[in-house]
Amino acid sequence: MVSDEMGAWLHDRATRELQEQIDAVLARIVSVSEQIQKLAYENKSLKSDIARFHKQLSKKSLTRSA
């Protein structure tokens, strides 16, 4: 039978290792979330640029056909 000390040591070791894995996964989630936020901001900016370019092209097209 495993002694209480050995059981406590095994439990502590297993919990510590699980916690280290959880911390690593959470850090990765934070990093990926920050990347997604950055890309979303860049995407919004690019969509604005595209809309502006479309307006410019349509104005040029209207003035050429007039």
PDB file of N, CA and C in Angstrom:
ATOM      1  N   MET A   1       0.846  -1.179   0.000  1.00  0.00           N
ATOM      2  CA  MET A   1       0.000   0.000   0.000  1.00  0.00           C
ATOM      3  C   MET A   1       0.890   1.241   0.000  1.00  0.00           C
ATOM      4  N   VAL A   2       0.437   2.280  -0.625  1.00  0.00           N
ATOM      5  CA  VAL A   2       1.198   3.523  -0.726  1.00  0.00           C
ATOM      6  C   VAL A   2       0.989   4.323   0.553  1.00  0.00           C
ATOM      7  N   SER A   3       2.104   4.842   1.091  1.00  0.00           N
ATOM      8  CA  SER A   3       2.002   5.630   2.319  1.00  0.00           C
ATOM      9  C   SER A   3       1.300   6.953   2.034  1.00  0.00           C
ATOM     10  N   ASP A   4       0.816   7.571   3.094  1.00  0.00           N
ATOM     11  CA  ASP A   4       0.158   8.874   2.951  1.00  0.00           C
ATOM     12  C   ASP A   4       1.108   9.907   2.372  1.00  0.00           C
ATOM     13  N   GLU A   5       2.365   9.869   2.808  1.00  0.00           N
ATOM     14  CA  GLU A   5       3.356  10.812   2.292  1.00  0.00           C
ATOM     15  C   GLU A   5       3.560  10.617   0.792  1.00  0.00           C
ATOM     16  N   MET A   6       3.694   9.360   0.378  1.00  0.00           N
ATOM     17  CA  MET A   6       3.901   9.061  -1.027  1.00  0.00           C
ATOM     18  C   MET A   6       2.669   9.476  -1.825  1.00  0.00           C
ATOM     19  N   GLY A   7       1.497   9.223  -1.310  1.00  0.00           N
ATOM     20  CA  GLY A   7       0.258   9.620  -1.982  1.00  0.00           C
ATOM     21  C   GLY A   7       0.175  11.132  -2.130  1.00  0.00           C
ATOM     22  N   ALA A   8       0.521  11.854  -1.068  1.00  0.00           N
ATOM     23  CA  ALA A   8       0.504  13.310  -1.118  1.00  0.00           C
ATOM     24  C   ALA A   8       1.524  13.822  -2.131  1.00  0.00           C
ATOM     25  N   TRP A   9       2.698  13.195  -2.154  1.00  0.00           N
ATOM     26  CA  TRP A   9       3.741  13.603  -3.096  1.00  0.00           C
ATOM     27  C   TRP A   9       3.290  13.359  -4.540  1.00  0.00           C
ATOM     28  N   LEU A  10       2.708  12.191  -4.785  1.00  0.00           N
ATOM     29  CA  LEU A  10       2.228  11.875  -6.128  1.00  0.00           C
ATOM     30  C   LEU A  10       1.116  12.830  -6.553  1.00  0.00           C
ATOM     31  N   HIS A  11       0.213  13.110  -5.628  1.00  0.00           N
ATOM     32  CA  HIS A  11      -0.880  14.041  -5.930  1.00  0.00           C
ATOM     33  C   HIS A  11      -0.327  15.426  -6.242  1.00  0.00           C
ATOM     34  N   ASP A  12       0.606  15.891  -5.426  1.00  0.00           N
ATOM     35  CA  ASP A  12       1.206  17.217  -5.638  1.00  0.00           C
ATOM     36  C   ASP A  12       1.905  17.281  -6.994  1.00  0.00           C
ATOM     37  N   ARG A  13       2.633  16.245  -7.305  1.00  0.00           N
ATOM     38  CA  ARG A  13       3.368  16.201  -8.586  1.00  0.00           C
ATOM     39  C   ARG A  13       2.400  16.217  -9.771  1.00  0.00           C
ATOM     40  N   ALA A  14       1.369  15.405  -9.702  1.00  0.00           N
ATOM     41  CA  ALA A  14       0.397  15.342 -10.790  1.00  0.00           C
ATOM     42  C   ALA A  14      -0.337  16.666 -10.943  1.00  0.00           C
ATOM     43  N   THR A  15      -0.711  17.280  -9.814  1.00  0.00           N
ATOM     44  CA  THR A  15      -1.446  18.552  -9.891  1.00  0.00           C
ATOM     45  C   THR A  15      -0.550  19.660 -10.405  1.00  0.00           C
ATOM     46  N   ARG A  16       0.689  19.675  -9.971  1.00  0.00           N
ATOM     47  CA  ARG A  16       1.625  20.714 -10.417  1.00  0.00           C
ATOM     48  C   ARG A  16       1.856  20.601 -11.930  1.00  0.00           C
ATOM     49  N   GLU A  17       2.054  19.385 -12.406  1.00  0.00           N
ATOM     50  CA  GLU A  17       2.268  19.185 -13.842  1.00  0.00           C
ATOM     51  C   GLU A  17       1.019  19.593 -14.635  1.00  0.00           C
ATOM     52  N   LEU A  18      -0.187  19.211 -14.121  1.00  0.00           N
ATOM     53  CA  LEU A  18      -1.432  19.624 -14.802  1.00  0.00           C
ATOM     54  C   LEU A  18      -1.532  21.133 -14.828  1.00  0.00           C
ATOM     55  N   GLN A  19      -1.174  21.792 -13.713  1.00  0.00           N
ATOM     56  CA  GLN A  19      -1.275  23.244 -13.640  1.00  0.00           C
ATOM     57  C   GLN A  19      -0.297  23.896 -14.622  1.00  0.00           C
ATOM     58  N   GLU A  20       0.890  23.337 -14.758  1.00  0.00           N
ATOM     59  CA  GLU A  20       1.864  23.871 -15.714  1.00  0.00           C
ATOM     60  C   GLU A  20       1.325  23.750 -17.139  1.00  0.00           C
ATOM     61  N   GLN A  21       0.681  22.633 -17.438  1.00  0.00           N
ATOM     62  CA  GLN A  21       0.103  22.453 -18.767  1.00  0.00           C
ATOM     63  C   GLN A  21      -1.039  23.448 -18.993  1.00  0.00           C
ATOM     64  N   ILE A  22      -1.863  23.639 -17.988  1.00  0.00           N
ATOM     65  CA  ILE A  22      -2.972  24.589 -18.094  1.00  0.00           C
ATOM     66  C   ILE A  22      -2.438  25.999 -18.305  1.00  0.00           C
ATOM     67  N   ASP A  23      -1.420  26.380 -17.544  1.00  0.00           N
ATOM     68  CA  ASP A  23      -0.822  27.709 -17.694  1.00  0.00           C
ATOM     69  C   ASP A  23      -0.252  27.906 -19.099  1.00  0.00           C
ATOM     70  N   ALA A  24       0.391  26.866 -19.636  1.00  0.00           N
ATOM     71  CA  ALA A  24       0.962  26.954 -20.982  1.00  0.00           C
ATOM     72  C   ALA A  24      -0.143  27.110 -22.023  1.00  0.00           C
ATOM     73  N   VAL A  25      -1.222  26.361 -21.871  1.00  0.00           N
ATOM     74  CA  VAL A  25      -2.336  26.453 -22.816  1.00  0.00           C
ATOM     75  C   VAL A  25      -2.992  27.828 -22.724  1.00  0.00           C
ATOM     76  N   LEU A  26      -3.187  28.326 -21.509  1.00  0.00           N
ATOM     77  CA  LEU A  26      -3.786  29.652 -21.347  1.00  0.00           C
ATOM     78  C   LEU A  26      -2.911  30.741 -21.967  1.00  0.00           C
ATOM     79  N   ALA A  27      -1.607  30.633 -21.805  1.00  0.00           N
ATOM     80  CA  ALA A  27      -0.692  31.604 -22.413  1.00  0.00           C
ATOM     81  C   ALA A  27      -0.812  31.553 -23.933  1.00  0.00           C
ATOM     82  N   ARG A  28      -0.939  30.369 -24.477  1.00  0.00           N
ATOM     83  CA  ARG A  28      -1.097  30.223 -25.936  1.00  0.00           C
ATOM     84  C   ARG A  28      -2.431  30.822 -26.396  1.00  0.00           C
ATOM     85  N   ILE A  29      -3.480  30.601 -25.618  1.00  0.00           N
ATOM     86  CA  ILE A  29      -4.792  31.169 -25.954  1.00  0.00           C
ATOM     87  C   ILE A  29      -4.729  32.688 -25.968  1.00  0.00           C
ATOM     88  N   VAL A  30      -4.071  33.261 -24.970  1.00  0.00           N
ATOM     89  CA  VAL A  30      -3.930  34.723 -24.916  1.00  0.00           C
ATOM     90  C   VAL A  30      -3.169  35.221 -26.139  1.00  0.00           C
ATOM     91  N   SER A  31      -2.093  34.557 -26.476  1.00  0.00           N
ATOM     92  CA  SER A  31      -1.284  34.949 -27.629  1.00  0.00           C
ATOM     93  C   SER A  31      -2.081  34.881 -28.928  1.00  0.00           C
ATOM     94  N   VAL A  32      -2.797  33.792 -29.125  1.00  0.00           N
ATOM     95  CA  VAL A  32      -3.592  33.630 -30.343  1.00  0.00           C
ATOM     96  C   VAL A  32      -4.730  34.647 -30.369  1.00  0.00           C
ATOM     97  N   SER A  33      -5.342  34.904 -29.230  1.00  0.00           N
ATOM     98  CA  SER A  33      -6.418  35.902 -29.160  1.00  0.00           C
ATOM     99  C   SER A  33      -5.907  37.284 -29.545  1.00  0.00           C
ATOM    100  N   GLU A  34      -4.722  37.628 -29.083  1.00  0.00           N
ATOM    101  CA  GLU A  34      -4.131  38.926 -29.442  1.00  0.00           C
ATOM    102  C   GLU A  34      -3.859  38.994 -30.942  1.00  0.00           C
ATOM    103  N   GLN A  35      -3.384  37.896 -31.518  1.00  0.00           N
ATOM    104  CA  GLN A  35      -3.151  37.861 -32.969  1.00  0.00           C
ATOM    105  C   GLN A  35      -4.450  38.026 -33.735  1.00  0.00           C
ATOM    106  N   ILE A  36      -5.503  37.374 -33.263  1.00  0.00           N
ATOM    107  CA  ILE A  36      -6.809  37.475 -33.918  1.00  0.00           C
ATOM    108  C   ILE A  36      -7.323  38.914 -33.846  1.00  0.00           C
ATOM    109  N   GLN A  37      -7.170  39.544 -32.680  1.00  0.00           N
ATOM    110  CA  GLN A  37      -7.615  40.935 -32.544  1.00  0.00           C
ATOM    111  C   GLN A  37      -6.853  41.849 -33.489  1.00  0.00           C
ATOM    112  N   LYS A  38      -5.559  41.628 -33.604  1.00  0.00           N
ATOM    113  CA  LYS A  38      -4.743  42.437 -34.514  1.00  0.00           C
ATOM    114  C   LYS A  38      -5.193  42.240 -35.956  1.00  0.00           C
ATOM    115  N   LEU A  39      -5.419  40.993 -36.345  1.00  0.00           N
ATOM    116  CA  LEU A  39      -5.863  40.705 -37.709  1.00  0.00           C
ATOM    117  C   LEU A  39      -7.256  41.285 -37.972  1.00  0.00           C
ATOM    118  N   ALA A  40      -8.114  41.225 -36.985  1.00  0.00           N
ATOM    119  CA  ALA A  40      -9.458  41.785 -37.150  1.00  0.00           C
ATOM    120  C   ALA A  40      -9.378  43.293 -37.369  1.00  0.00           C
ATOM    121  N   TYR A  41      -8.506  43.954 -36.630  1.00  0.00           N
ATOM    122  CA  TYR A  41      -8.326  45.399 -36.808  1.00  0.00           C
ATOM    123  C   TYR A  41      -7.772  45.696 -38.206  1.00  0.00           C
ATOM    124  N   GLU A  42      -6.762  44.943 -38.617  1.00  0.00           N
ATOM    125  CA  GLU A  42      -6.185  45.135 -39.950  1.00  0.00           C
ATOM    126  C   GLU A  42      -7.228  44.863 -41.038  1.00  0.00           C
ATOM    127  N   ASN A  43      -8.049  43.847 -40.837  1.00  0.00           N
ATOM    128  CA  ASN A  43      -9.098  43.505 -41.791  1.00  0.00           C
ATOM    129  C   ASN A  43     -10.108  44.653 -41.912  1.00  0.00           C
ATOM    130  N   LYS A  44     -10.484  45.221 -40.780  1.00  0.00           N
ATOM    131  CA  LYS A  44     -11.425  46.343 -40.788  1.00  0.00           C
ATOM    132  C   LYS A  44     -10.830  47.527 -41.547  1.00  0.00           C
ATOM    133  N   SER A  45      -9.571  47.783 -41.306  1.00  0.00           N
ATOM    134  CA  SER A  45      -8.885  48.876 -41.986  1.00  0.00           C
ATOM    135  C   SER A  45      -8.820  48.636 -43.495  1.00  0.00           C
ATOM    136  N   LEU A  46      -8.513  47.414 -43.891  1.00  0.00           N
ATOM    137  CA  LEU A  46      -8.449  47.077 -45.312  1.00  0.00           C
ATOM    138  C   LEU A  46      -9.821  47.188 -45.975  1.00  0.00           C
ATOM    139  N   LYS A  47     -10.864  46.766 -45.267  1.00  0.00           N
ATOM    140  CA  LYS A  47     -12.214  46.887 -45.819  1.00  0.00           C
ATOM    141  C   LYS A  47     -12.566  48.358 -46.048  1.00  0.00           C
ATOM    142  N   SER A  48     -12.148  49.214 -45.135  1.00  0.00           N
ATOM    143  CA  SER A  48     -12.373  50.657 -45.299  1.00  0.00           C
ATOM    144  C   SER A  48     -11.650  51.173 -46.532  1.00  0.00           C
ATOM    145  N   ASP A  49     -10.405  50.768 -46.677  1.00  0.00           N
ATOM    146  CA  ASP A  49      -9.624  51.181 -47.851  1.00  0.00           C
ATOM    147  C   ASP A  49     -10.296  50.718 -49.142  1.00  0.00           C
ATOM    148  N   ILE A  50     -10.740  49.483 -49.168  1.00  0.00           N
ATOM    149  CA  ILE A  50     -11.391  48.941 -50.364  1.00  0.00           C
ATOM    150  C   ILE A  50     -12.660  49.723 -50.680  1.00  0.00           C
ATOM    151  N   ALA A  51     -13.444  50.015 -49.670  1.00  0.00           N
ATOM    152  CA  ALA A  51     -14.678  50.784 -49.896  1.00  0.00           C
ATOM    153  C   ALA A  51     -14.351  52.161 -50.460  1.00  0.00           C
ATOM    154  N   ARG A  52     -13.314  52.783 -49.918  1.00  0.00           N
ATOM    155  CA  ARG A  52     -12.896  54.105 -50.405  1.00  0.00           C
ATOM    156  C   ARG A  52     -12.437  54.021 -51.861  1.00  0.00           C
ATOM    157  N   PHE A  53     -11.678  52.996 -52.204  1.00  0.00           N
ATOM    158  CA  PHE A  53     -11.210  52.824 -53.580  1.00  0.00           C
ATOM    159  C   PHE A  53     -12.378  52.585 -54.541  1.00  0.00           C
ATOM    160  N   HIS A  54     -13.364  51.807 -54.096  1.00  0.00           N
ATOM    161  CA  HIS A  54     -14.543  51.577 -54.928  1.00  0.00           C
ATOM    162  C   HIS A  54     -15.266  52.894 -55.221  1.00  0.00           C
ATOM    163  N   LYS A  55     -15.403  53.729 -54.196  1.00  0.00           N
ATOM    164  CA  LYS A  55     -16.053  55.025 -54.392  1.00  0.00           C
ATOM    165  C   LYS A  55     -15.261  55.882 -55.374  1.00  0.00           C
ATOM    166  N   GLN A  56     -13.944  55.886 -55.220  1.00  0.00           N
ATOM    167  CA  GLN A  56     -13.108  56.667 -56.137  1.00  0.00           C
ATOM    168  C   GLN A  56     -13.252  56.158 -57.568  1.00  0.00           C
ATOM    169  N   LEU A  57     -13.252  54.849 -57.735  1.00  0.00           N
ATOM    170  CA  LEU A  57     -13.395  54.280 -59.078  1.00  0.00           C
ATOM    171  C   LEU A  57     -14.755  54.597 -59.684  1.00  0.00           C
ATOM    172  N   SER A  58     -15.787  54.512 -58.871  1.00  0.00           N
ATOM    173  CA  SER A  58     -17.115  54.790 -59.417  1.00  0.00           C
ATOM    174  C   SER A  58     -17.246  56.262 -59.802  1.00  0.00           C
ATOM    175  N   LYS A  59     -16.629  57.160 -59.037  1.00  0.00           N
ATOM    176  CA  LYS A  59     -16.655  58.585 -59.389  1.00  0.00           C
ATOM    177  C   LYS A  59     -15.911  58.822 -60.700  1.00  0.00           C
ATOM    178  N   LYS A  60     -14.760  58.186 -60.850  1.00  0.00           N
ATOM    179  CA  LYS A  60     -13.985  58.326 -62.080  1.00  0.00           C
ATOM    180  C   LYS A  60     -14.759  57.760 -63.261  1.00  0.00           C
ATOM    181  N   SER A  61     -15.418  56.655 -63.042  1.00  0.00           N
ATOM    182  CA  SER A  61     -16.174  56.008 -64.100  1.00  0.00           C
ATOM    183  C   SER A  61     -17.341  56.918 -64.532  1.00  0.00           C
ATOM    184  N   LEU A  62     -17.999  57.557 -63.571  1.00  0.00           N
ATOM    185  CA  LEU A  62     -19.117  58.447 -63.875  1.00  0.00           C
ATOM    186  C   LEU A  62     -18.653  59.687 -64.620  1.00  0.00           C
ATOM    187  N   THR A  63     -17.513  60.237 -64.219  1.00  0.00           N
ATOM    188  CA  THR A  63     -17.024  61.449 -64.889  1.00  0.00           C
ATOM    189  C   THR A  63     -16.538  61.140 -66.303  1.00  0.00           C
ATOM    190  N   ARG A  64     -16.023  59.973 -66.543  1.00  0.00           N
ATOM    191  CA  ARG A  64     -15.556  59.590 -67.886  1.00  0.00           C
ATOM    192  C   ARG A  64     -16.729  59.337 -68.831  1.00  0.00           C
ATOM    193  N   SER A  65     -17.797  58.803 -68.296  1.00  0.00           N
ATOM    194  CA  SER A  65     -18.938  58.477 -69.153  1.00  0.00           C
ATOM    195  C   SER A  65     -19.828  59.701 -69.396  1.00  0.00           C
ATOM    196  N   ALA A  66     -19.627  60.764 -68.625  1.00  0.00           N
ATOM    197  CA  ALA A  66     -20.458  61.962 -68.779  1.00  0.00           C
ATOM    198  C   ALA A  66     -19.967  62.872 -69.878  1.00  0.00           C
TER     199      ALA A  66
END
